[in-house]
Amino acid sequence: MPKKMNKFKLYCQALLDQGYVLLIYLVIMAFLLILWHLYTLPKVVLGDVLRFSSLFILIIWLYFATKIYRRILWLQKLRNLQELDDQDFKGLLDQAYYQAMRHYQLDYLELMQKVSQKETARSDYLRLWSHEIKTPLTALNLLAQANEQLDATSVQQQLRQANYQLEMLLTNERLADFNHDLAFNKLDLGELVKQQIHKCAPLCIQKDIRIKVELVSVKVISDAKWLGFVIEQLLLNAIKYSPSHRQITFKWQDETLILQDQGIGIVASDLPRIFEAGFTGQNGRIYGSATGMGLFMVKKVCQALEIKLEITSVLKQGTCVALSLKKDLLLK
């Protein structure tokens, strides 16, 4: 008995080792069983089975015929490629190389154009800045020549102007890559506004301009330095283009910080271009001391801080600036 069992195991092991033999055996047995089963069926049922089977076989044949046709096309393409002589193959390589180099050349030219535009803008601003910084320095020189003892108020005024122009130059340089300088933190918008008002207080006193703050404690998430820069620039513009004895108002309305002045306003034709670099408009030409870079930088900073900036103005009535922060940057 054990010997017979061992022989049976060896036989099964041999069948498993020859898997394809076992598969053929099973297919033949299944085919014989199907024939036997069909022989026992009535002729009507047998006809239905054959018709269904023929349709199924036709679908299977079309499927495999499609795969075979695709394989033939692939082999044909491979054969054509292999039949290319060295000259043709070299031509294909040259063409691919030319296309790749053309692509890189276009990318390089586009990059160089952007760099050139930035350098041109930087050069233009340096030229404007050098002109503006001469104004307070010239004034200080004239004061020194005309008086042995200088008036402290006049000196401080000219020094503030020179310091402002220097800060604008440094800010413009930092704007080239200021995204790395951003630090978003929780801050009190009302306190930030008060800090900028305190910085501009000497100018307000000089022109007798009153600043009214209708701003409750509003908590936001933003960068204190750059948001402060935006508020300061907008406030300086409001003071600069407001006649004496007027009022500037800060208020919080509909989740928007609004700065409203009673200044000279902006010409309607200038409004679409006020954020362009170097654009001074009619006010800049009339009142002078304008580089046209303040609002350009303000707009750029607002975009980085995700603040929507809108300016509306009526000539000889005043200007309204709205700073709308994203809702997810507002804290309750």
C-alpha atoms as a PDB file:
ATOM      1  CA  MET A   1       0.000   0.000   0.000  1.00  0.00           C
ATOM      2  CA  PRO A   2       2.652   2.564   0.807  1.00  0.00           C
ATOM      3  CA  LYS A   3       4.417   1.798  -2.462  1.00  0.00           C
ATOM      4  CA  LYS A   4       1.210   2.447  -4.435  1.00  0.00           C
ATOM      5  CA  MET A   5       0.687   5.737  -2.597  1.00  0.00           C
ATOM      6  CA  ASN A   6       4.231   6.812  -3.362  1.00  0.00           C
ATOM      7  CA  LYS A   7       3.708   6.029  -7.053  1.00  0.00           C
ATOM      8  CA  PHE A   8       0.480   8.051  -7.093  1.00  0.00           C
ATOM      9  CA  LYS A   9       2.267  11.022  -5.498  1.00  0.00           C
ATOM     10  CA  LEU A  10       5.051  10.787  -8.017  1.00  0.00           C
ATOM     11  CA  TYR A  11       2.472  10.687 -10.818  1.00  0.00           C
ATOM     12  CA  CYS A  12       0.704  13.793  -9.472  1.00  0.00           C
ATOM     13  CA  GLN A  13       4.026  15.578  -9.028  1.00  0.00           C
ATOM     14  CA  ALA A  14       4.936  14.771 -12.620  1.00  0.00           C
ATOM     15  CA  LEU A  15       1.612  16.185 -13.825  1.00  0.00           C
ATOM     16  CA  LEU A  16       2.165  19.363 -11.841  1.00  0.00           C
ATOM     17  CA  ASP A  17       5.686  19.734 -13.222  1.00  0.00           C
ATOM     18  CA  GLN A  18       4.276  19.445 -16.727  1.00  0.00           C
ATOM     19  CA  GLY A  19       1.566  22.030 -16.276  1.00  0.00           C
ATOM     20  CA  TYR A  20       0.770  22.384 -19.949  1.00  0.00           C
ATOM     21  CA  VAL A  21       0.099  18.591 -20.199  1.00  0.00           C
ATOM     22  CA  LEU A  22      -2.393  18.815 -17.349  1.00  0.00           C
ATOM     23  CA  LEU A  23      -4.031  21.834 -18.970  1.00  0.00           C
ATOM     24  CA  ILE A  24      -4.442  19.991 -22.305  1.00  0.00           C
ATOM     25  CA  TYR A  25      -5.884  16.986 -20.474  1.00  0.00           C
ATOM     26  CA  LEU A  26      -8.455  19.148 -18.677  1.00  0.00           C
ATOM     27  CA  VAL A  27      -9.430  20.932 -21.911  1.00  0.00           C
ATOM     28  CA  ILE A  28      -9.959  17.612 -23.727  1.00  0.00           C
ATOM     29  CA  MET A  29     -12.046  16.230 -20.857  1.00  0.00           C
ATOM     30  CA  ALA A  30     -14.153  19.412 -20.749  1.00  0.00           C
ATOM     31  CA  PHE A  31     -14.672  19.254 -24.517  1.00  0.00           C
ATOM     32  CA  LEU A  32     -15.807  15.599 -24.310  1.00  0.00           C
ATOM     33  CA  LEU A  33     -18.206  16.423 -21.482  1.00  0.00           C
ATOM     34  CA  ILE A  34     -19.686  19.296 -23.519  1.00  0.00           C
ATOM     35  CA  LEU A  35     -20.147  16.984 -26.548  1.00  0.00           C
ATOM     36  CA  TRP A  36     -21.818  14.371 -24.406  1.00  0.00           C
ATOM     37  CA  HIS A  37     -24.097  16.976 -22.883  1.00  0.00           C
ATOM     38  CA  LEU A  38     -25.021  18.374 -26.309  1.00  0.00           C
ATOM     39  CA  TYR A  39     -25.773  14.882 -27.641  1.00  0.00           C
ATOM     40  CA  THR A  40     -28.387  14.381 -24.933  1.00  0.00           C
ATOM     41  CA  LEU A  41     -30.134  17.718 -25.628  1.00  0.00           C
ATOM     42  CA  PRO A  42     -33.211  17.984 -27.899  1.00  0.00           C
ATOM     43  CA  LYS A  43     -32.519  19.261 -31.420  1.00  0.00           C
ATOM     44  CA  VAL A  44     -34.327  22.592 -30.862  1.00  0.00           C
ATOM     45  CA  VAL A  45     -32.327  23.375 -27.738  1.00  0.00           C
ATOM     46  CA  LEU A  46     -29.164  22.165 -29.418  1.00  0.00           C
ATOM     47  CA  GLY A  47     -29.742  24.616 -32.303  1.00  0.00           C
ATOM     48  CA  ASP A  48     -30.185  27.512 -29.892  1.00  0.00           C
ATOM     49  CA  VAL A  49     -27.000  26.595 -28.065  1.00  0.00           C
ATOM     50  CA  LEU A  50     -25.026  26.417 -31.299  1.00  0.00           C
ATOM     51  CA  ARG A  51     -26.346  29.789 -32.482  1.00  0.00           C
ATOM     52  CA  PHE A  52     -25.428  31.427 -29.162  1.00  0.00           C
ATOM     53  CA  SER A  53     -22.038  29.727 -29.168  1.00  0.00           C
ATOM     54  CA  SER A  54     -21.302  30.896 -32.714  1.00  0.00           C
ATOM     55  CA  LEU A  55     -22.093  34.508 -31.759  1.00  0.00           C
ATOM     56  CA  PHE A  56     -19.868  34.266 -28.704  1.00  0.00           C
ATOM     57  CA  ILE A  57     -17.054  32.730 -30.764  1.00  0.00           C
ATOM     58  CA  LEU A  58     -17.406  35.529 -33.343  1.00  0.00           C
ATOM     59  CA  ILE A  59     -17.030  38.202 -30.634  1.00  0.00           C
ATOM     60  CA  ILE A  60     -13.978  36.453 -29.208  1.00  0.00           C
ATOM     61  CA  TRP A  61     -12.487  36.137 -32.698  1.00  0.00           C
ATOM     62  CA  LEU A  62     -12.989  39.863 -33.418  1.00  0.00           C
ATOM     63  CA  TYR A  63     -11.331  40.767 -30.124  1.00  0.00           C
ATOM     64  CA  PHE A  64      -8.240  38.691 -30.824  1.00  0.00           C
ATOM     65  CA  ALA A  65      -8.177  39.796 -34.479  1.00  0.00           C
ATOM     66  CA  THR A  66      -8.022  43.423 -33.326  1.00  0.00           C
ATOM     67  CA  LYS A  67      -5.124  42.670 -30.977  1.00  0.00           C
ATOM     68  CA  ILE A  68      -3.295  40.797 -33.721  1.00  0.00           C
ATOM     69  CA  TYR A  69      -3.821  43.708 -36.141  1.00  0.00           C
ATOM     70  CA  ARG A  70      -2.403  46.176 -33.613  1.00  0.00           C
ATOM     71  CA  ARG A  71       0.583  43.941 -33.076  1.00  0.00           C
ATOM     72  CA  ILE A  72       1.187  43.772 -36.828  1.00  0.00           C
ATOM     73  CA  LEU A  73       1.086  47.592 -37.062  1.00  0.00           C
ATOM     74  CA  TRP A  74       3.558  47.880 -34.206  1.00  0.00           C
ATOM     75  CA  LEU A  75       5.912  45.375 -35.841  1.00  0.00           C
ATOM     76  CA  GLN A  76       5.590  47.260 -39.126  1.00  0.00           C
ATOM     77  CA  LYS A  77       6.622  50.530 -37.455  1.00  0.00           C
ATOM     78  CA  LEU A  78       9.525  48.772 -35.749  1.00  0.00           C
ATOM     79  CA  ARG A  79      10.657  47.264 -39.035  1.00  0.00           C
ATOM     80  CA  ASN A  80      10.458  50.662 -40.788  1.00  0.00           C
ATOM     81  CA  LEU A  81      12.572  52.196 -38.050  1.00  0.00           C
ATOM     82  CA  GLN A  82      15.144  49.450 -38.359  1.00  0.00           C
ATOM     83  CA  GLU A  83      15.264  49.903 -42.126  1.00  0.00           C
ATOM     84  CA  LEU A  84      16.342  53.569 -41.748  1.00  0.00           C
ATOM     85  CA  ASP A  85      19.895  54.079 -42.880  1.00  0.00           C
ATOM     86  CA  ASP A  86      22.410  56.064 -40.872  1.00  0.00           C
ATOM     87  CA  GLN A  87      21.722  59.300 -42.768  1.00  0.00           C
ATOM     88  CA  ASP A  88      17.980  59.199 -42.108  1.00  0.00           C
ATOM     89  CA  PHE A  89      18.505  58.316 -38.469  1.00  0.00           C
ATOM     90  CA  LYS A  90      20.980  61.184 -38.124  1.00  0.00           C
ATOM     91  CA  GLY A  91      18.394  63.518 -39.652  1.00  0.00           C
ATOM     92  CA  LEU A  92      15.822  62.501 -37.051  1.00  0.00           C
ATOM     93  CA  LEU A  93      18.302  63.115 -34.245  1.00  0.00           C
ATOM     94  CA  ASP A  94      19.198  66.524 -35.637  1.00  0.00           C
ATOM     95  CA  GLN A  95      15.532  67.445 -35.877  1.00  0.00           C
ATOM     96  CA  ALA A  96      14.812  66.351 -32.305  1.00  0.00           C
ATOM     97  CA  TYR A  97      17.897  68.229 -31.084  1.00  0.00           C
ATOM     98  CA  TYR A  98      16.850  71.374 -32.951  1.00  0.00           C
ATOM     99  CA  GLN A  99      13.334  71.263 -31.489  1.00  0.00           C
ATOM    100  CA  ALA A 100      14.681  70.787 -27.962  1.00  0.00           C
ATOM    101  CA  MET A 101      17.180  73.627 -28.351  1.00  0.00           C
ATOM    102  CA  ARG A 102      14.514  75.886 -29.838  1.00  0.00           C
ATOM    103  CA  HIS A 103      12.279  75.201 -26.840  1.00  0.00           C
ATOM    104  CA  TYR A 104      15.076  76.039 -24.385  1.00  0.00           C
ATOM    105  CA  GLN A 105      15.989  79.116 -26.399  1.00  0.00           C
ATOM    106  CA  LEU A 106      12.434  80.458 -26.205  1.00  0.00           C
ATOM    107  CA  ASP A 107      12.354  79.840 -22.445  1.00  0.00           C
ATOM    108  CA  TYR A 108      15.691  81.621 -22.085  1.00  0.00           C
ATOM    109  CA  LEU A 109      14.550  84.611 -24.128  1.00  0.00           C
ATOM    110  CA  GLU A 110      11.354  84.872 -22.072  1.00  0.00           C
ATOM    111  CA  LEU A 111      13.360  84.767 -18.845  1.00  0.00           C
ATOM    112  CA  MET A 112      15.823  87.370 -20.096  1.00  0.00           C
ATOM    113  CA  GLN A 113      12.940  89.620 -21.137  1.00  0.00           C
ATOM    114  CA  LYS A 114      11.496  89.466 -17.625  1.00  0.00           C
ATOM    115  CA  VAL A 115      14.901  90.188 -16.103  1.00  0.00           C
ATOM    116  CA  SER A 116      15.380  93.097 -18.507  1.00  0.00           C
ATOM    117  CA  GLN A 117      11.975  94.531 -17.586  1.00  0.00           C
ATOM    118  CA  LYS A 118      12.815  94.295 -13.884  1.00  0.00           C
ATOM    119  CA  GLU A 119      16.187  95.943 -14.419  1.00  0.00           C
ATOM    120  CA  THR A 120      14.589  98.713 -16.480  1.00  0.00           C
ATOM    121  CA  ALA A 121      11.974  99.341 -13.793  1.00  0.00           C
ATOM    122  CA  ARG A 122      14.688  99.354 -11.137  1.00  0.00           C
ATOM    123  CA  SER A 123      16.829 101.767 -13.146  1.00  0.00           C
ATOM    124  CA  ASP A 124      13.854 104.060 -13.735  1.00  0.00           C
ATOM    125  CA  TYR A 125      13.025 104.130 -10.046  1.00  0.00           C
ATOM    126  CA  LEU A 126      16.634 104.832  -9.089  1.00  0.00           C
ATOM    127  CA  ARG A 127      16.595 107.774 -11.471  1.00  0.00           C
ATOM    128  CA  LEU A 128      13.340 109.061  -9.956  1.00  0.00           C
ATOM    129  CA  TRP A 129      14.629 108.488  -6.431  1.00  0.00           C
ATOM    130  CA  SER A 130      17.878 110.334  -7.096  1.00  0.00           C
ATOM    131  CA  HIS A 131      15.828 113.285  -8.318  1.00  0.00           C
ATOM    132  CA  GLU A 132      13.500 113.228  -5.309  1.00  0.00           C
ATOM    133  CA  ILE A 133      16.284 112.846  -2.731  1.00  0.00           C
ATOM    134  CA  LYS A 134      17.914 116.019  -4.098  1.00  0.00           C
ATOM    135  CA  THR A 135      14.906 118.108  -3.069  1.00  0.00           C
ATOM    136  CA  PRO A 136      15.318 117.881   0.741  1.00  0.00           C
ATOM    137  CA  LEU A 137      19.133 117.979   0.438  1.00  0.00           C
ATOM    138  CA  THR A 138      18.943 121.132  -1.670  1.00  0.00           C
ATOM    139  CA  ALA A 139      16.506 122.679   0.816  1.00  0.00           C
ATOM    140  CA  LEU A 140      18.862 121.908   3.700  1.00  0.00           C
ATOM    141  CA  ASN A 141      21.751 123.422   1.756  1.00  0.00           C
ATOM    142  CA  LEU A 142      19.795 126.630   1.094  1.00  0.00           C
ATOM    143  CA  LEU A 143      18.785 126.874   4.748  1.00  0.00           C
ATOM    144  CA  ALA A 144      22.401 126.490   5.819  1.00  0.00           C
ATOM    145  CA  GLN A 145      23.558 129.192   3.390  1.00  0.00           C
ATOM    146  CA  ALA A 146      20.844 131.660   4.339  1.00  0.00           C
ATOM    147  CA  ASN A 147      20.957 131.290   8.117  1.00  0.00           C
ATOM    148  CA  GLU A 148      23.701 130.803  10.641  1.00  0.00           C
ATOM    149  CA  GLN A 149      21.183 129.216  12.981  1.00  0.00           C
ATOM    150  CA  LEU A 150      18.816 126.746  11.277  1.00  0.00           C
ATOM    151  CA  ASP A 151      15.165 126.416  12.152  1.00  0.00           C
ATOM    152  CA  ALA A 152      14.721 123.019  13.814  1.00  0.00           C
ATOM    153  CA  THR A 153      11.231 122.499  12.385  1.00  0.00           C
ATOM    154  CA  SER A 154      12.378 123.118   8.796  1.00  0.00           C
ATOM    155  CA  VAL A 155      15.381 120.835   9.232  1.00  0.00           C
ATOM    156  CA  GLN A 156      13.256 118.051  10.688  1.00  0.00           C
ATOM    157  CA  GLN A 157      10.776 118.404   7.844  1.00  0.00           C
ATOM    158  CA  GLN A 158      13.474 118.031   5.185  1.00  0.00           C
ATOM    159  CA  LEU A 159      15.112 115.152   7.056  1.00  0.00           C
ATOM    160  CA  ARG A 160      11.761 113.353   7.235  1.00  0.00           C
ATOM    161  CA  GLN A 161      11.387 113.774   3.484  1.00  0.00           C
ATOM    162  CA  ALA A 162      14.892 112.443   2.839  1.00  0.00           C
ATOM    163  CA  ASN A 163      14.341 109.527   5.217  1.00  0.00           C
ATOM    164  CA  TYR A 164      11.017 108.739   3.521  1.00  0.00           C
ATOM    165  CA  GLN A 165      12.644 108.614   0.076  1.00  0.00           C
ATOM    166  CA  LEU A 166      15.423 106.390   1.429  1.00  0.00           C
ATOM    167  CA  GLU A 167      12.861 104.020   2.977  1.00  0.00           C
ATOM    168  CA  MET A 168      10.972 103.867  -0.314  1.00  0.00           C
ATOM    169  CA  LEU A 169      14.169 102.921  -2.137  1.00  0.00           C
ATOM    170  CA  LEU A 170      14.972 100.150   0.344  1.00  0.00           C
ATOM    171  CA  THR A 171      11.388  98.910   0.247  1.00  0.00           C
ATOM    172  CA  ASN A 172      11.474  98.748  -3.531  1.00  0.00           C
ATOM    173  CA  GLU A 173      14.652  96.656  -3.332  1.00  0.00           C
ATOM    174  CA  ARG A 174      13.090  94.281  -0.795  1.00  0.00           C
ATOM    175  CA  LEU A 175       9.993  93.863  -2.954  1.00  0.00           C
ATOM    176  CA  ALA A 176      12.067  91.976  -5.545  1.00  0.00           C
ATOM    177  CA  ASP A 177      11.938  88.898  -3.285  1.00  0.00           C
ATOM    178  CA  PHE A 178       9.911  89.942  -0.292  1.00  0.00           C
ATOM    179  CA  ASN A 179       7.838  86.724  -0.121  1.00  0.00           C
ATOM    180  CA  HIS A 180      10.641  85.270   2.004  1.00  0.00           C
ATOM    181  CA  ASP A 181      10.247  88.220   4.371  1.00  0.00           C
ATOM    182  CA  LEU A 182       6.564  87.602   5.121  1.00  0.00           C
ATOM    183  CA  ALA A 183       5.613  86.501   8.644  1.00  0.00           C
ATOM    184  CA  PHE A 184       1.880  86.055   9.225  1.00  0.00           C
ATOM    185  CA  ASN A 185       0.809  86.510  12.837  1.00  0.00           C
ATOM    186  CA  LYS A 186      -2.247  87.509  14.835  1.00  0.00           C
ATOM    187  CA  LEU A 187      -2.449  91.292  15.210  1.00  0.00           C
ATOM    188  CA  ASP A 188      -4.840  94.077  16.213  1.00  0.00           C
ATOM    189  CA  LEU A 189      -5.730  96.118  13.134  1.00  0.00           C
ATOM    190  CA  GLY A 190      -6.804  99.116  15.223  1.00  0.00           C
ATOM    191  CA  GLU A 191      -3.452  99.253  17.016  1.00  0.00           C
ATOM    192  CA  LEU A 192      -1.600  98.955  13.707  1.00  0.00           C
ATOM    193  CA  VAL A 193      -3.560 101.903  12.293  1.00  0.00           C
ATOM    194  CA  LYS A 194      -2.769 103.983  15.374  1.00  0.00           C
ATOM    195  CA  GLN A 195       0.949 103.227  14.994  1.00  0.00           C
ATOM    196  CA  GLN A 196       0.944 104.527  11.417  1.00  0.00           C
ATOM    197  CA  ILE A 197      -1.022 107.627  12.455  1.00  0.00           C
ATOM    198  CA  HIS A 198       1.600 108.326  15.132  1.00  0.00           C
ATOM    199  CA  LYS A 199       4.375 108.073  12.504  1.00  0.00           C
ATOM    200  CA  CYS A 200       2.565 110.574  10.272  1.00  0.00           C
ATOM    201  CA  ALA A 201       1.569 112.900  13.118  1.00  0.00           C
ATOM    202  CA  PRO A 202       4.141 115.648  12.308  1.00  0.00           C
ATOM    203  CA  LEU A 203       2.737 116.010   8.781  1.00  0.00           C
ATOM    204  CA  CYS A 204      -0.821 116.155  10.137  1.00  0.00           C
ATOM    205  CA  ILE A 205       0.169 118.858  12.604  1.00  0.00           C
ATOM    206  CA  GLN A 206       1.957 120.816   9.894  1.00  0.00           C
ATOM    207  CA  LYS A 207      -1.140 120.838   7.644  1.00  0.00           C
ATOM    208  CA  ASP A 208      -3.658 120.926  10.513  1.00  0.00           C
ATOM    209  CA  ILE A 209      -5.333 117.730   9.341  1.00  0.00           C
ATOM    210  CA  ARG A 210      -7.510 115.827  11.781  1.00  0.00           C
ATOM    211  CA  ILE A 211      -7.581 112.035  11.725  1.00  0.00           C
ATOM    212  CA  LYS A 212     -10.704 110.308  12.982  1.00  0.00           C
ATOM    213  CA  VAL A 213     -10.620 106.599  13.845  1.00  0.00           C
ATOM    214  CA  GLU A 214     -13.933 104.708  13.857  1.00  0.00           C
ATOM    215  CA  LEU A 215     -12.303 101.342  14.263  1.00  0.00           C
ATOM    216  CA  VAL A 216     -13.111  98.897  17.033  1.00  0.00           C
ATOM    217  CA  SER A 217     -10.694  96.138  18.006  1.00  0.00           C
ATOM    218  CA  VAL A 218     -10.370  93.933  14.932  1.00  0.00           C
ATOM    219  CA  LYS A 219      -8.162  90.846  15.089  1.00  0.00           C
ATOM    220  CA  VAL A 220      -6.624  89.684  11.820  1.00  0.00           C
ATOM    221  CA  ILE A 221      -3.867  87.379  10.611  1.00  0.00           C
ATOM    222  CA  SER A 222      -1.323  89.212   8.496  1.00  0.00           C
ATOM    223  CA  ASP A 223       2.221  90.545   8.340  1.00  0.00           C
ATOM    224  CA  ALA A 224       2.455  93.566  10.649  1.00  0.00           C
ATOM    225  CA  LYS A 225       5.416  95.194   8.859  1.00  0.00           C
ATOM    226  CA  TRP A 226       4.044  94.988   5.325  1.00  0.00           C
ATOM    227  CA  LEU A 227       0.440  95.721   6.241  1.00  0.00           C
ATOM    228  CA  GLY A 228       1.753  98.704   8.190  1.00  0.00           C
ATOM    229  CA  PHE A 229       3.625  99.807   5.070  1.00  0.00           C
ATOM    230  CA  VAL A 230       0.377  99.683   3.058  1.00  0.00           C
ATOM    231  CA  ILE A 231      -1.546 101.731   5.620  1.00  0.00           C
ATOM    232  CA  GLU A 232       1.297 104.247   5.972  1.00  0.00           C
ATOM    233  CA  GLN A 233       1.556 104.826   2.214  1.00  0.00           C
ATOM    234  CA  LEU A 234      -2.182 105.288   1.828  1.00  0.00           C
ATOM    235  CA  LEU A 235      -2.260 107.680   4.785  1.00  0.00           C
ATOM    236  CA  LEU A 236       0.685 109.691   3.447  1.00  0.00           C
ATOM    237  CA  ASN A 237      -1.065 110.052   0.085  1.00  0.00           C
ATOM    238  CA  ALA A 238      -4.248 111.210   1.813  1.00  0.00           C
ATOM    239  CA  ILE A 239      -2.296 113.806   3.808  1.00  0.00           C
ATOM    240  CA  LYS A 240      -0.250 114.936   0.809  1.00  0.00           C
ATOM    241  CA  TYR A 241      -3.246 115.546  -1.442  1.00  0.00           C
ATOM    242  CA  SER A 242      -5.529 117.059   1.194  1.00  0.00           C
ATOM    243  CA  PRO A 243      -5.746 120.819   1.750  1.00  0.00           C
ATOM    244  CA  SER A 244      -5.224 122.179   5.240  1.00  0.00           C
ATOM    245  CA  HIS A 245      -7.926 121.956   7.915  1.00  0.00           C
ATOM    246  CA  ARG A 246      -9.486 118.775   6.481  1.00  0.00           C
ATOM    247  CA  GLN A 247     -10.276 115.362   7.973  1.00  0.00           C
ATOM    248  CA  ILE A 248      -9.159 111.803   7.233  1.00  0.00           C
ATOM    249  CA  THR A 249     -11.291 108.941   8.541  1.00  0.00           C
ATOM    250  CA  PHE A 250     -10.455 105.302   9.251  1.00  0.00           C
ATOM    251  CA  LYS A 251     -13.404 102.957   9.715  1.00  0.00           C
ATOM    252  CA  TRP A 252     -14.271  99.259   9.652  1.00  0.00           C
ATOM    253  CA  GLN A 253     -17.297  98.417   7.540  1.00  0.00           C
ATOM    254  CA  ASP A 254     -18.449  95.103   6.038  1.00  0.00           C
ATOM    255  CA  GLU A 255     -15.172  93.383   6.972  1.00  0.00           C
ATOM    256  CA  THR A 256     -13.262  96.098   5.106  1.00  0.00           C
ATOM    257  CA  LEU A 257     -10.818  98.734   6.315  1.00  0.00           C
ATOM    258  CA  ILE A 258     -11.806 102.049   4.720  1.00  0.00           C
ATOM    259  CA  LEU A 259      -9.696 105.203   4.529  1.00  0.00           C
ATOM    260  CA  GLN A 260     -11.700 108.266   3.475  1.00  0.00           C
ATOM    261  CA  ASP A 261     -10.157 111.685   2.893  1.00  0.00           C
ATOM    262  CA  GLN A 262     -11.465 115.117   1.873  1.00  0.00           C
ATOM    263  CA  GLY A 263      -8.664 115.824  -0.527  1.00  0.00           C
ATOM    264  CA  ILE A 264      -8.427 116.990  -4.114  1.00  0.00           C
ATOM    265  CA  GLY A 265      -9.492 113.642  -5.557  1.00  0.00           C
ATOM    266  CA  ILE A 266      -8.225 111.860  -8.653  1.00  0.00           C
ATOM    267  CA  VAL A 267      -9.106 112.612 -12.250  1.00  0.00           C
ATOM    268  CA  ALA A 268     -11.387 109.882 -13.628  1.00  0.00           C
ATOM    269  CA  SER A 269      -9.087 109.244 -16.588  1.00  0.00           C
ATOM    270  CA  ASP A 270      -6.162 108.581 -14.201  1.00  0.00           C
ATOM    271  CA  LEU A 271      -7.945 106.016 -11.991  1.00  0.00           C
ATOM    272  CA  PRO A 272      -7.326 102.945 -14.228  1.00  0.00           C
ATOM    273  CA  ARG A 273      -3.571 103.639 -14.229  1.00  0.00           C
ATOM    274  CA  ILE A 274      -2.836 104.637 -10.629  1.00  0.00           C
ATOM    275  CA  PHE A 275      -1.234 101.259  -9.831  1.00  0.00           C
ATOM    276  CA  GLU A 276       1.208 101.382 -12.749  1.00  0.00           C
ATOM    277  CA  ALA A 277       4.885 101.776 -11.883  1.00  0.00           C
ATOM    278  CA  GLY A 278       6.059 105.363 -12.424  1.00  0.00           C
ATOM    279  CA  PHE A 279       2.603 106.764 -13.199  1.00  0.00           C
ATOM    280  CA  THR A 280       2.068 110.112 -11.450  1.00  0.00           C
ATOM    281  CA  GLY A 281      -1.049 111.385 -13.198  1.00  0.00           C
ATOM    282  CA  GLN A 282      -2.373 114.913 -13.184  1.00  0.00           C
ATOM    283  CA  ASN A 283      -1.986 115.364  -9.413  1.00  0.00           C
ATOM    284  CA  GLY A 284       1.664 114.337  -9.532  1.00  0.00           C
ATOM    285  CA  ARG A 285       2.389 116.823 -12.307  1.00  0.00           C
ATOM    286  CA  ILE A 286       0.589 119.682 -10.535  1.00  0.00           C
ATOM    287  CA  TYR A 287       1.788 119.093  -6.974  1.00  0.00           C
ATOM    288  CA  GLY A 288       5.183 117.527  -7.786  1.00  0.00           C
ATOM    289  CA  SER A 289       7.244 115.336  -5.416  1.00  0.00           C
ATOM    290  CA  ALA A 290       5.662 112.196  -6.853  1.00  0.00           C
ATOM    291  CA  THR A 291       7.595 109.168  -8.120  1.00  0.00           C
ATOM    292  CA  GLY A 292       4.553 107.121  -9.072  1.00  0.00           C
ATOM    293  CA  MET A 293       5.901 104.115  -7.153  1.00  0.00           C
ATOM    294  CA  GLY A 294       3.920 104.343  -3.910  1.00  0.00           C
ATOM    295  CA  LEU A 295       0.632 102.840  -5.096  1.00  0.00           C
ATOM    296  CA  PHE A 296       2.494 100.393  -7.331  1.00  0.00           C
ATOM    297  CA  MET A 297       4.273  98.952  -4.297  1.00  0.00           C
ATOM    298  CA  VAL A 298       1.084  99.053  -2.230  1.00  0.00           C
ATOM    299  CA  LYS A 299      -0.720  96.995  -4.871  1.00  0.00           C
ATOM    300  CA  LYS A 300       2.081  94.442  -5.014  1.00  0.00           C
ATOM    301  CA  VAL A 301       2.134  94.030  -1.229  1.00  0.00           C
ATOM    302  CA  CYS A 302      -1.663  93.682  -1.089  1.00  0.00           C
ATOM    303  CA  GLN A 303      -1.529  90.866  -3.622  1.00  0.00           C
ATOM    304  CA  ALA A 304       0.999  88.991  -1.459  1.00  0.00           C
ATOM    305  CA  LEU A 305      -1.082  89.575   1.688  1.00  0.00           C
ATOM    306  CA  GLU A 306      -4.262  88.437  -0.130  1.00  0.00           C
ATOM    307  CA  ILE A 307      -5.917  91.823   0.348  1.00  0.00           C
ATOM    308  CA  LYS A 308      -8.323  93.232  -2.214  1.00  0.00           C
ATOM    309  CA  LEU A 309      -7.459  96.884  -2.849  1.00  0.00           C
ATOM    310  CA  GLU A 310     -10.014  99.253  -4.375  1.00  0.00           C
ATOM    311  CA  ILE A 311      -9.754 103.032  -4.817  1.00  0.00           C
ATOM    312  CA  THR A 312     -12.637 105.294  -5.780  1.00  0.00           C
ATOM    313  CA  SER A 313     -12.406 109.051  -6.065  1.00  0.00           C
ATOM    314  CA  VAL A 314     -14.391 112.144  -6.982  1.00  0.00           C
ATOM    315  CA  LEU A 315     -12.459 115.172  -8.185  1.00  0.00           C
ATOM    316  CA  LYS A 316     -12.342 118.016  -5.612  1.00  0.00           C
ATOM    317  CA  GLN A 317     -14.338 115.906  -3.125  1.00  0.00           C
ATOM    318  CA  GLY A 318     -11.986 113.209  -1.909  1.00  0.00           C
ATOM    319  CA  THR A 319     -10.738 109.656  -2.274  1.00  0.00           C
ATOM    320  CA  CYS A 320     -11.896 106.413  -0.650  1.00  0.00           C
ATOM    321  CA  VAL A 321      -9.556 103.433  -0.260  1.00  0.00           C
ATOM    322  CA  ALA A 322     -10.965 100.011   0.691  1.00  0.00           C
ATOM    323  CA  LEU A 323      -8.816  97.145   1.975  1.00  0.00           C
ATOM    324  CA  SER A 324     -10.793  93.887   2.049  1.00  0.00           C
ATOM    325  CA  LEU A 325      -9.118  90.973   3.832  1.00  0.00           C
ATOM    326  CA  LYS A 326     -10.018  87.363   3.102  1.00  0.00           C
ATOM    327  CA  LYS A 327     -12.538  85.925   5.560  1.00  0.00           C
ATOM    328  CA  ASP A 328     -10.180  83.175   6.684  1.00  0.00           C
ATOM    329  CA  LEU A 329      -7.697  85.891   7.754  1.00  0.00           C
ATOM    330  CA  LEU A 330     -10.251  87.544  10.053  1.00  0.00           C
ATOM    331  CA  LEU A 331     -10.515  86.472  13.691  1.00  0.00           C
ATOM    332  CA  LYS A 332     -13.616  86.892  15.789  1.00  0.00           C
END
